[in-house]
């Protein structure tokens, strides 16, 4: 089997490429330096030439706040780029994995969002990812849509690294306590993806580590596992103003994973422990 991973130098793309290689799959990785997915002609030529059996589309515009100002760029990458990849994948009869987000939901209520729940994004980034989902569903039959949340990995910037950095210079920080979700370790998500693509259980799934917490609780656990003293003050979303609105309820149900007999991702606290160990070993 040959796999093409877009966004190969991103947090998820990096771990997906490593995991696929580990299980013996021939992996081709692309970055924006060697494949501009917003160029329809070049994207089609590249995919037809390399002819992968599966494409894991990790490349995306993910600067959530910046997206409110750079809407054209965000749309070009997340919507048009996804369309060109989906069309080309269908042309060569390849499977396609599209990485989506909890931000396609409005975050209302307290129950975990089911895969069939109504999509209603509250920011522009979420809108483009929702559009990407529609395009994948309309353009290619053999597809997996995987929504994830609060991603962190060894290769890139993330909340855990930010907390560790703040811990070097501060004794007190404020962290939002009214947004609830599942911190997700890219190494675990990569394993989930590699298991899923070896099936023909096409459709939409939620790929997140088990359990839920707020950003405040996540920060508490980070410093607890680091055995580091830090005064963490919980604040509301209203007290922490950002250009883009965030959904307060980012809980994602993983029932669909159970239904196909695939192993769920480990609990987020266990994942964090292994991630901190990975950083230490690096």
C-alpha atoms as a PDB file:
ATOM      1  CA  UNK A   1       0.000   0.000   0.000  1.00  0.00           C
ATOM      2  CA  UNK A   2       1.161   3.528  -0.811  1.00  0.00           C
ATOM      3  CA  UNK A   3      -0.025   6.516   1.232  1.00  0.00           C
ATOM      4  CA  UNK A   4       0.205  10.236   0.566  1.00  0.00           C
ATOM      5  CA  UNK A   5       0.198  12.446   3.672  1.00  0.00           C
ATOM      6  CA  UNK A   6      -0.404  16.155   3.114  1.00  0.00           C
ATOM      7  CA  UNK A   7       0.858  18.548   5.773  1.00  0.00           C
ATOM      8  CA  UNK A   8       3.616  16.084   6.620  1.00  0.00           C
ATOM      9  CA  UNK A   9       5.525  18.557   8.788  1.00  0.00           C
ATOM     10  CA  UNK A  10       2.526  19.440  10.969  1.00  0.00           C
ATOM     11  CA  UNK A  11       1.750  17.935  14.364  1.00  0.00           C
ATOM     12  CA  UNK A  12      -0.582  15.232  13.054  1.00  0.00           C
ATOM     13  CA  UNK A  13       0.982  14.731   9.632  1.00  0.00           C
ATOM     14  CA  UNK A  14       4.359  14.068  11.255  1.00  0.00           C
ATOM     15  CA  UNK A  15       3.020  11.320  13.532  1.00  0.00           C
ATOM     16  CA  UNK A  16       0.770   9.827  10.843  1.00  0.00           C
ATOM     17  CA  UNK A  17       3.762   9.502   8.506  1.00  0.00           C
ATOM     18  CA  UNK A  18       5.820   7.826  11.251  1.00  0.00           C
ATOM     19  CA  UNK A  19       3.028   5.418  12.194  1.00  0.00           C
ATOM     20  CA  UNK A  20       2.280   4.373   8.607  1.00  0.00           C
ATOM     21  CA  UNK A  21       5.968   3.767   7.924  1.00  0.00           C
ATOM     22  CA  UNK A  22       6.153   1.741  11.147  1.00  0.00           C
ATOM     23  CA  UNK A  23       3.480  -0.674   9.939  1.00  0.00           C
ATOM     24  CA  UNK A  24       5.152  -1.101   6.553  1.00  0.00           C
ATOM     25  CA  UNK A  25       3.226   1.337   4.374  1.00  0.00           C
ATOM     26  CA  UNK A  26       5.149   3.256   1.709  1.00  0.00           C
ATOM     27  CA  UNK A  27       4.656   6.926   2.657  1.00  0.00           C
ATOM     28  CA  UNK A  28       4.967  10.047   0.534  1.00  0.00           C
ATOM     29  CA  UNK A  29       4.748  13.257   2.551  1.00  0.00           C
ATOM     30  CA  UNK A  30       4.101  16.728   1.229  1.00  0.00           C
ATOM     31  CA  UNK A  31       4.394  20.199   2.705  1.00  0.00           C
ATOM     32  CA  UNK A  32       3.405  23.562   1.249  1.00  0.00           C
ATOM     33  CA  UNK A  33       6.985  23.789  -0.045  1.00  0.00           C
ATOM     34  CA  UNK A  34       6.643  20.840  -2.429  1.00  0.00           C
ATOM     35  CA  UNK A  35       2.881  20.798  -3.035  1.00  0.00           C
ATOM     36  CA  UNK A  36       0.650  23.861  -3.130  1.00  0.00           C
ATOM     37  CA  UNK A  37      -2.763  22.271  -2.682  1.00  0.00           C
ATOM     38  CA  UNK A  38      -4.445  25.544  -3.699  1.00  0.00           C
ATOM     39  CA  UNK A  39      -3.090  25.021  -7.240  1.00  0.00           C
ATOM     40  CA  UNK A  40      -5.617  22.707  -8.879  1.00  0.00           C
ATOM     41  CA  UNK A  41      -3.486  21.692 -11.879  1.00  0.00           C
ATOM     42  CA  UNK A  42      -0.352  20.884  -9.881  1.00  0.00           C
ATOM     43  CA  UNK A  43      -2.299  19.049  -7.172  1.00  0.00           C
ATOM     44  CA  UNK A  44      -3.995  16.831  -9.768  1.00  0.00           C
ATOM     45  CA  UNK A  45      -0.715  16.189 -11.598  1.00  0.00           C
ATOM     46  CA  UNK A  46       1.095  15.276  -8.373  1.00  0.00           C
ATOM     47  CA  UNK A  47      -1.596  12.849  -7.210  1.00  0.00           C
ATOM     48  CA  UNK A  48      -2.009  11.184 -10.601  1.00  0.00           C
ATOM     49  CA  UNK A  49       1.771  10.817 -10.941  1.00  0.00           C
ATOM     50  CA  UNK A  50       2.352   9.349  -7.464  1.00  0.00           C
ATOM     51  CA  UNK A  51      -0.929   7.356  -7.560  1.00  0.00           C
ATOM     52  CA  UNK A  52      -1.326   6.621  -3.824  1.00  0.00           C
ATOM     53  CA  UNK A  53      -3.800   4.012  -2.600  1.00  0.00           C
ATOM     54  CA  UNK A  54      -4.819   6.361   0.192  1.00  0.00           C
ATOM     55  CA  UNK A  55      -4.473  10.079   0.915  1.00  0.00           C
ATOM     56  CA  UNK A  56      -4.438  11.325   4.511  1.00  0.00           C
ATOM     57  CA  UNK A  57      -5.229  15.008   4.172  1.00  0.00           C
ATOM     58  CA  UNK A  58      -3.704  16.679   7.247  1.00  0.00           C
ATOM     59  CA  UNK A  59      -2.747  19.963   5.574  1.00  0.00           C
ATOM     60  CA  UNK A  60      -4.953  22.858   6.679  1.00  0.00           C
ATOM     61  CA  UNK A  61      -5.060  26.513   7.608  1.00  0.00           C
ATOM     62  CA  UNK A  62      -5.434  26.258  11.389  1.00  0.00           C
ATOM     63  CA  UNK A  63      -4.733  29.767  12.722  1.00  0.00           C
ATOM     64  CA  UNK A  64      -8.223  30.179  14.155  1.00  0.00           C
ATOM     65  CA  UNK A  65      -8.027  33.861  15.142  1.00  0.00           C
ATOM     66  CA  UNK A  66      -6.031  34.905  12.090  1.00  0.00           C
ATOM     67  CA  UNK A  67      -8.616  33.204   9.872  1.00  0.00           C
ATOM     68  CA  UNK A  68     -11.149  35.915  10.797  1.00  0.00           C
ATOM     69  CA  UNK A  69      -8.916  38.419   8.959  1.00  0.00           C
ATOM     70  CA  UNK A  70      -7.371  36.139   6.312  1.00  0.00           C
ATOM     71  CA  UNK A  71     -10.603  34.579   5.107  1.00  0.00           C
ATOM     72  CA  UNK A  72      -9.553  34.254   1.465  1.00  0.00           C
ATOM     73  CA  UNK A  73      -6.365  32.397   2.346  1.00  0.00           C
ATOM     74  CA  UNK A  74      -8.175  30.161   4.835  1.00  0.00           C
ATOM     75  CA  UNK A  75     -10.898  29.349   2.272  1.00  0.00           C
ATOM     76  CA  UNK A  76      -8.357  28.659  -0.456  1.00  0.00           C
ATOM     77  CA  UNK A  77      -6.529  26.080   1.675  1.00  0.00           C
ATOM     78  CA  UNK A  78      -9.352  24.458   3.633  1.00  0.00           C
ATOM     79  CA  UNK A  79     -12.077  24.452   0.996  1.00  0.00           C
ATOM     80  CA  UNK A  80     -10.562  24.728  -2.478  1.00  0.00           C
ATOM     81  CA  UNK A  81      -7.459  22.703  -1.598  1.00  0.00           C
ATOM     82  CA  UNK A  82      -9.629  19.950  -0.139  1.00  0.00           C
ATOM     83  CA  UNK A  83     -11.791  19.952  -3.269  1.00  0.00           C
ATOM     84  CA  UNK A  84      -8.787  19.487  -5.565  1.00  0.00           C
ATOM     85  CA  UNK A  85      -7.480  16.626  -3.445  1.00  0.00           C
ATOM     86  CA  UNK A  86     -10.882  14.908  -3.220  1.00  0.00           C
ATOM     87  CA  UNK A  87     -11.466  15.159  -6.977  1.00  0.00           C
ATOM     88  CA  UNK A  88      -8.023  13.741  -7.741  1.00  0.00           C
ATOM     89  CA  UNK A  89      -8.437  10.936  -5.191  1.00  0.00           C
ATOM     90  CA  UNK A  90     -11.744   9.942  -6.801  1.00  0.00           C
ATOM     91  CA  UNK A  91     -10.108  10.005 -10.247  1.00  0.00           C
ATOM     92  CA  UNK A  92      -7.495   7.408  -9.239  1.00  0.00           C
ATOM     93  CA  UNK A  93      -9.920   5.472  -6.991  1.00  0.00           C
ATOM     94  CA  UNK A  94      -7.916   6.171  -3.822  1.00  0.00           C
ATOM     95  CA  UNK A  95      -9.263   6.263  -0.282  1.00  0.00           C
ATOM     96  CA  UNK A  96      -9.296   9.706   1.350  1.00  0.00           C
ATOM     97  CA  UNK A  97      -8.990  10.660   5.019  1.00  0.00           C
ATOM     98  CA  UNK A  98     -10.105  14.217   5.764  1.00  0.00           C
ATOM     99  CA  UNK A  99      -9.106  15.631   9.146  1.00  0.00           C
ATOM    100  CA  UNK A 100     -11.860  17.827  10.546  1.00  0.00           C
ATOM    101  CA  UNK A 101     -12.522  19.491  13.887  1.00  0.00           C
ATOM    102  CA  UNK A 102     -14.812  19.974  16.871  1.00  0.00           C
ATOM    103  CA  UNK A 103     -15.159  23.561  15.598  1.00  0.00           C
ATOM    104  CA  UNK A 104     -17.796  22.456  13.068  1.00  0.00           C
ATOM    105  CA  UNK A 105     -20.223  22.456  16.032  1.00  0.00           C
ATOM    106  CA  UNK A 106     -21.644  25.490  17.853  1.00  0.00           C
ATOM    107  CA  UNK A 107     -20.721  24.068  21.258  1.00  0.00           C
ATOM    108  CA  UNK A 108     -24.154  24.437  22.822  1.00  0.00           C
ATOM    109  CA  UNK A 109     -25.403  22.064  25.513  1.00  0.00           C
ATOM    110  CA  UNK A 110     -23.452  19.671  27.709  1.00  0.00           C
ATOM    111  CA  UNK A 111     -23.802  16.366  25.888  1.00  0.00           C
ATOM    112  CA  UNK A 112     -21.103  14.902  23.640  1.00  0.00           C
ATOM    113  CA  UNK A 113     -21.728  15.743  19.979  1.00  0.00           C
ATOM    114  CA  UNK A 114     -22.741  12.705  17.937  1.00  0.00           C
ATOM    115  CA  UNK A 115     -21.393  12.329  14.396  1.00  0.00           C
ATOM    116  CA  UNK A 116     -24.911  13.046  13.103  1.00  0.00           C
ATOM    117  CA  UNK A 117     -25.449  16.240  15.106  1.00  0.00           C
ATOM    118  CA  UNK A 118     -26.287  19.442  13.259  1.00  0.00           C
ATOM    119  CA  UNK A 119     -23.235  21.356  12.058  1.00  0.00           C
ATOM    120  CA  UNK A 120     -23.240  25.036  13.010  1.00  0.00           C
ATOM    121  CA  UNK A 121     -19.722  26.552  13.305  1.00  0.00           C
ATOM    122  CA  UNK A 122     -19.253  29.766  15.287  1.00  0.00           C
ATOM    123  CA  UNK A 123     -16.045  30.974  13.617  1.00  0.00           C
ATOM    124  CA  UNK A 124     -14.670  31.223  10.081  1.00  0.00           C
ATOM    125  CA  UNK A 125     -12.124  28.444  10.492  1.00  0.00           C
ATOM    126  CA  UNK A 126     -14.934  26.112  11.563  1.00  0.00           C
ATOM    127  CA  UNK A 127     -17.008  27.197   8.553  1.00  0.00           C
ATOM    128  CA  UNK A 128     -14.230  26.244   6.138  1.00  0.00           C
ATOM    129  CA  UNK A 129     -13.696  22.855   7.776  1.00  0.00           C
ATOM    130  CA  UNK A 130     -17.438  22.191   7.601  1.00  0.00           C
ATOM    131  CA  UNK A 131     -17.365  23.109   3.906  1.00  0.00           C
ATOM    132  CA  UNK A 132     -14.465  20.703   3.488  1.00  0.00           C
ATOM    133  CA  UNK A 133     -16.565  17.915   5.006  1.00  0.00           C
ATOM    134  CA  UNK A 134     -19.378  18.570   2.507  1.00  0.00           C
ATOM    135  CA  UNK A 135     -16.953  18.553  -0.408  1.00  0.00           C
ATOM    136  CA  UNK A 136     -15.447  15.220   0.641  1.00  0.00           C
ATOM    137  CA  UNK A 137     -18.900  13.667   1.016  1.00  0.00           C
ATOM    138  CA  UNK A 138     -19.958  14.963  -2.422  1.00  0.00           C
ATOM    139  CA  UNK A 139     -16.811  14.225  -4.411  1.00  0.00           C
ATOM    140  CA  UNK A 140     -15.477  10.871  -3.239  1.00  0.00           C
ATOM    141  CA  UNK A 141     -17.168   7.663  -2.180  1.00  0.00           C
ATOM    142  CA  UNK A 142     -14.294   5.995  -0.306  1.00  0.00           C
ATOM    143  CA  UNK A 143     -13.776   8.568   2.422  1.00  0.00           C
ATOM    144  CA  UNK A 144     -13.160   8.811   6.150  1.00  0.00           C
ATOM    145  CA  UNK A 145     -13.928  12.111   7.885  1.00  0.00           C
ATOM    146  CA  UNK A 146     -12.216  12.274  11.275  1.00  0.00           C
ATOM    147  CA  UNK A 147     -13.119  15.105  13.624  1.00  0.00           C
ATOM    148  CA  UNK A 148     -10.643  15.733  16.405  1.00  0.00           C
ATOM    149  CA  UNK A 149     -10.029  18.356  19.084  1.00  0.00           C
ATOM    150  CA  UNK A 150      -7.376  20.101  21.197  1.00  0.00           C
ATOM    151  CA  UNK A 151      -4.528  18.404  19.335  1.00  0.00           C
ATOM    152  CA  UNK A 152      -0.958  18.311  20.626  1.00  0.00           C
ATOM    153  CA  UNK A 153       2.135  16.515  19.349  1.00  0.00           C
ATOM    154  CA  UNK A 154       5.900  16.562  19.352  1.00  0.00           C
ATOM    155  CA  UNK A 155       6.261  18.461  16.082  1.00  0.00           C
ATOM    156  CA  UNK A 156       4.759  21.922  16.451  1.00  0.00           C
ATOM    157  CA  UNK A 157       3.215  24.475  18.779  1.00  0.00           C
ATOM    158  CA  UNK A 158       0.431  23.471  21.172  1.00  0.00           C
ATOM    159  CA  UNK A 159      -1.163  24.159  24.551  1.00  0.00           C
ATOM    160  CA  UNK A 160       1.093  21.777  26.478  1.00  0.00           C
ATOM    161  CA  UNK A 161       4.255  23.389  25.181  1.00  0.00           C
ATOM    162  CA  UNK A 162       2.795  26.835  25.901  1.00  0.00           C
ATOM    163  CA  UNK A 163       2.119  25.848  29.521  1.00  0.00           C
ATOM    164  CA  UNK A 164       5.623  24.438  29.881  1.00  0.00           C
ATOM    165  CA  UNK A 165       7.080  27.646  28.475  1.00  0.00           C
ATOM    166  CA  UNK A 166       4.991  29.793  30.835  1.00  0.00           C
ATOM    167  CA  UNK A 167       6.146  27.594  33.697  1.00  0.00           C
ATOM    168  CA  UNK A 168       9.706  28.725  33.076  1.00  0.00           C
ATOM    169  CA  UNK A 169       8.940  32.404  33.716  1.00  0.00           C
ATOM    170  CA  UNK A 170       5.688  32.662  35.688  1.00  0.00           C
ATOM    171  CA  UNK A 171       4.286  31.535  39.019  1.00  0.00           C
ATOM    172  CA  UNK A 172       0.671  32.457  38.250  1.00  0.00           C
ATOM    173  CA  UNK A 173      -1.425  32.142  35.088  1.00  0.00           C
ATOM    174  CA  UNK A 174      -5.075  32.479  34.045  1.00  0.00           C
ATOM    175  CA  UNK A 175      -6.747  29.729  32.007  1.00  0.00           C
ATOM    176  CA  UNK A 176     -10.259  29.452  30.560  1.00  0.00           C
ATOM    177  CA  UNK A 177     -12.506  27.082  32.533  1.00  0.00           C
ATOM    178  CA  UNK A 178     -15.801  27.102  30.581  1.00  0.00           C
ATOM    179  CA  UNK A 179     -14.673  25.373  27.377  1.00  0.00           C
ATOM    180  CA  UNK A 180     -14.840  21.576  27.674  1.00  0.00           C
ATOM    181  CA  UNK A 181     -13.243  19.059  25.331  1.00  0.00           C
ATOM    182  CA  UNK A 182     -10.809  16.187  24.890  1.00  0.00           C
ATOM    183  CA  UNK A 183      -7.081  16.916  24.616  1.00  0.00           C
ATOM    184  CA  UNK A 184      -5.831  14.608  21.860  1.00  0.00           C
ATOM    185  CA  UNK A 185      -2.309  13.265  21.437  1.00  0.00           C
ATOM    186  CA  UNK A 186      -1.337  13.054  17.763  1.00  0.00           C
ATOM    187  CA  UNK A 187       0.528   9.771  18.283  1.00  0.00           C
ATOM    188  CA  UNK A 188      -2.704   8.122  19.510  1.00  0.00           C
ATOM    189  CA  UNK A 189      -4.731   9.727  16.725  1.00  0.00           C
ATOM    190  CA  UNK A 190      -2.195   8.509  14.156  1.00  0.00           C
ATOM    191  CA  UNK A 191      -2.622   4.937  15.437  1.00  0.00           C
ATOM    192  CA  UNK A 192      -6.407   5.291  15.191  1.00  0.00           C
ATOM    193  CA  UNK A 193      -6.109   6.563  11.607  1.00  0.00           C
ATOM    194  CA  UNK A 194      -3.748   3.756  10.577  1.00  0.00           C
ATOM    195  CA  UNK A 195      -6.176   1.168  11.968  1.00  0.00           C
ATOM    196  CA  UNK A 196      -9.222   2.767  10.346  1.00  0.00           C
ATOM    197  CA  UNK A 197      -7.757   3.037   6.841  1.00  0.00           C
ATOM    198  CA  UNK A 198      -7.156  -0.713   6.772  1.00  0.00           C
ATOM    199  CA  UNK A 199     -10.943  -1.175   6.841  1.00  0.00           C
ATOM    200  CA  UNK A 200     -13.714  -0.231   4.449  1.00  0.00           C
ATOM    201  CA  UNK A 201     -15.858   1.290   7.188  1.00  0.00           C
ATOM    202  CA  UNK A 202     -16.195   4.588   5.356  1.00  0.00           C
ATOM    203  CA  UNK A 203     -17.935   7.540   6.994  1.00  0.00           C
ATOM    204  CA  UNK A 204     -17.492  10.080   9.773  1.00  0.00           C
ATOM    205  CA  UNK A 205     -15.741   9.400  13.086  1.00  0.00           C
ATOM    206  CA  UNK A 206     -14.599  11.308  16.145  1.00  0.00           C
ATOM    207  CA  UNK A 207     -10.925  10.658  16.863  1.00  0.00           C
ATOM    208  CA  UNK A 208     -10.192  11.985  20.346  1.00  0.00           C
ATOM    209  CA  UNK A 209      -8.615  10.676  23.526  1.00  0.00           C
ATOM    210  CA  UNK A 210     -11.190   9.457  26.037  1.00  0.00           C
ATOM    211  CA  UNK A 211     -12.484  11.684  28.835  1.00  0.00           C
ATOM    212  CA  UNK A 212     -13.219  15.409  29.013  1.00  0.00           C
ATOM    213  CA  UNK A 213     -11.811  18.436  30.797  1.00  0.00           C
ATOM    214  CA  UNK A 214     -11.658  22.218  30.597  1.00  0.00           C
ATOM    215  CA  UNK A 215      -8.530  24.070  29.509  1.00  0.00           C
ATOM    216  CA  UNK A 216      -8.102  24.987  33.195  1.00  0.00           C
ATOM    217  CA  UNK A 217      -8.257  21.334  34.239  1.00  0.00           C
ATOM    218  CA  UNK A 218      -5.895  20.418  31.415  1.00  0.00           C
ATOM    219  CA  UNK A 219      -3.390  23.011  32.673  1.00  0.00           C
ATOM    220  CA  UNK A 220      -3.758  21.686  36.231  1.00  0.00           C
ATOM    221  CA  UNK A 221      -2.941  18.165  35.051  1.00  0.00           C
ATOM    222  CA  UNK A 222       0.050  19.334  33.007  1.00  0.00           C
ATOM    223  CA  UNK A 223       1.700  21.005  35.999  1.00  0.00           C
ATOM    224  CA  UNK A 224       0.709  18.142  38.315  1.00  0.00           C
ATOM    225  CA  UNK A 225       2.417  15.614  36.034  1.00  0.00           C
ATOM    226  CA  UNK A 226       5.434  17.909  35.772  1.00  0.00           C
ATOM    227  CA  UNK A 227       5.458  18.115  39.596  1.00  0.00           C
ATOM    228  CA  UNK A 228       5.722  21.872  39.218  1.00  0.00           C
ATOM    229  CA  UNK A 229       4.088  24.510  41.416  1.00  0.00           C
ATOM    230  CA  UNK A 230       1.885  26.924  39.491  1.00  0.00           C
ATOM    231  CA  UNK A 231      -1.032  29.021  40.652  1.00  0.00           C
ATOM    232  CA  UNK A 232      -3.723  28.600  38.008  1.00  0.00           C
ATOM    233  CA  UNK A 233      -6.682  30.961  38.103  1.00  0.00           C
ATOM    234  CA  UNK A 234      -9.847  29.822  36.280  1.00  0.00           C
ATOM    235  CA  UNK A 235     -11.492  32.488  34.106  1.00  0.00           C
ATOM    236  CA  UNK A 236     -14.462  32.638  31.718  1.00  0.00           C
ATOM    237  CA  UNK A 237     -14.308  32.879  27.933  1.00  0.00           C
ATOM    238  CA  UNK A 238     -15.729  36.390  28.271  1.00  0.00           C
ATOM    239  CA  UNK A 239     -12.703  37.401  30.330  1.00  0.00           C
ATOM    240  CA  UNK A 240     -10.315  36.058  27.685  1.00  0.00           C
ATOM    241  CA  UNK A 241     -11.173  37.918  24.487  1.00  0.00           C
ATOM    242  CA  UNK A 242     -10.147  36.390  21.161  1.00  0.00           C
ATOM    243  CA  UNK A 243     -10.955  37.441  17.586  1.00  0.00           C
ATOM    244  CA  UNK A 244     -12.651  34.128  16.875  1.00  0.00           C
ATOM    245  CA  UNK A 245     -15.370  32.709  19.096  1.00  0.00           C
ATOM    246  CA  UNK A 246     -14.729  29.220  20.488  1.00  0.00           C
ATOM    247  CA  UNK A 247     -17.377  26.553  21.129  1.00  0.00           C
ATOM    248  CA  UNK A 248     -17.836  25.950  24.865  1.00  0.00           C
ATOM    249  CA  UNK A 249     -18.883  22.336  24.451  1.00  0.00           C
ATOM    250  CA  UNK A 250     -16.320  20.451  22.363  1.00  0.00           C
ATOM    251  CA  UNK A 251     -17.186  17.015  23.730  1.00  0.00           C
ATOM    252  CA  UNK A 252     -17.199  14.485  20.875  1.00  0.00           C
ATOM    253  CA  UNK A 253     -18.925  11.119  21.132  1.00  0.00           C
ATOM    254  CA  UNK A 254     -16.850   8.097  20.076  1.00  0.00           C
ATOM    255  CA  UNK A 255     -19.782   5.665  19.824  1.00  0.00           C
ATOM    256  CA  UNK A 256     -19.199   5.258  16.061  1.00  0.00           C
ATOM    257  CA  UNK A 257     -15.746   3.829  16.801  1.00  0.00           C
ATOM    258  CA  UNK A 258     -17.287   1.295  19.200  1.00  0.00           C
ATOM    259  CA  UNK A 259     -19.862   0.335  16.576  1.00  0.00           C
ATOM    260  CA  UNK A 260     -17.213  -0.874  14.120  1.00  0.00           C
ATOM    261  CA  UNK A 261     -15.197  -2.672  16.800  1.00  0.00           C
ATOM    262  CA  UNK A 262     -12.190  -0.384  16.558  1.00  0.00           C
ATOM    263  CA  UNK A 263     -10.159   0.330  19.683  1.00  0.00           C
ATOM    264  CA  UNK A 264     -10.788   3.733  21.253  1.00  0.00           C
ATOM    265  CA  UNK A 265      -7.970   6.137  22.033  1.00  0.00           C
ATOM    266  CA  UNK A 266      -6.570   5.980  25.604  1.00  0.00           C
ATOM    267  CA  UNK A 267      -7.694   8.412  28.315  1.00  0.00           C
ATOM    268  CA  UNK A 268      -6.299  11.930  27.896  1.00  0.00           C
ATOM    269  CA  UNK A 269      -4.403  11.826  31.212  1.00  0.00           C
ATOM    270  CA  UNK A 270      -2.585   8.681  30.124  1.00  0.00           C
ATOM    271  CA  UNK A 271      -1.839  10.302  26.759  1.00  0.00           C
ATOM    272  CA  UNK A 272      -0.430  13.416  28.427  1.00  0.00           C
ATOM    273  CA  UNK A 273       1.884  11.281  30.568  1.00  0.00           C
ATOM    274  CA  UNK A 274       3.310   9.545  27.502  1.00  0.00           C
ATOM    275  CA  UNK A 275       3.636  12.856  25.647  1.00  0.00           C
ATOM    276  CA  UNK A 276       5.606  14.480  28.454  1.00  0.00           C
ATOM    277  CA  UNK A 277       7.859  11.426  28.467  1.00  0.00           C
ATOM    278  CA  UNK A 278       8.349  11.788  24.714  1.00  0.00           C
ATOM    279  CA  UNK A 279       9.356  15.440  25.179  1.00  0.00           C
ATOM    280  CA  UNK A 280      11.763  14.425  27.950  1.00  0.00           C
ATOM    281  CA  UNK A 281      13.378  11.803  25.733  1.00  0.00           C
ATOM    282  CA  UNK A 282      13.745  14.304  22.883  1.00  0.00           C
END
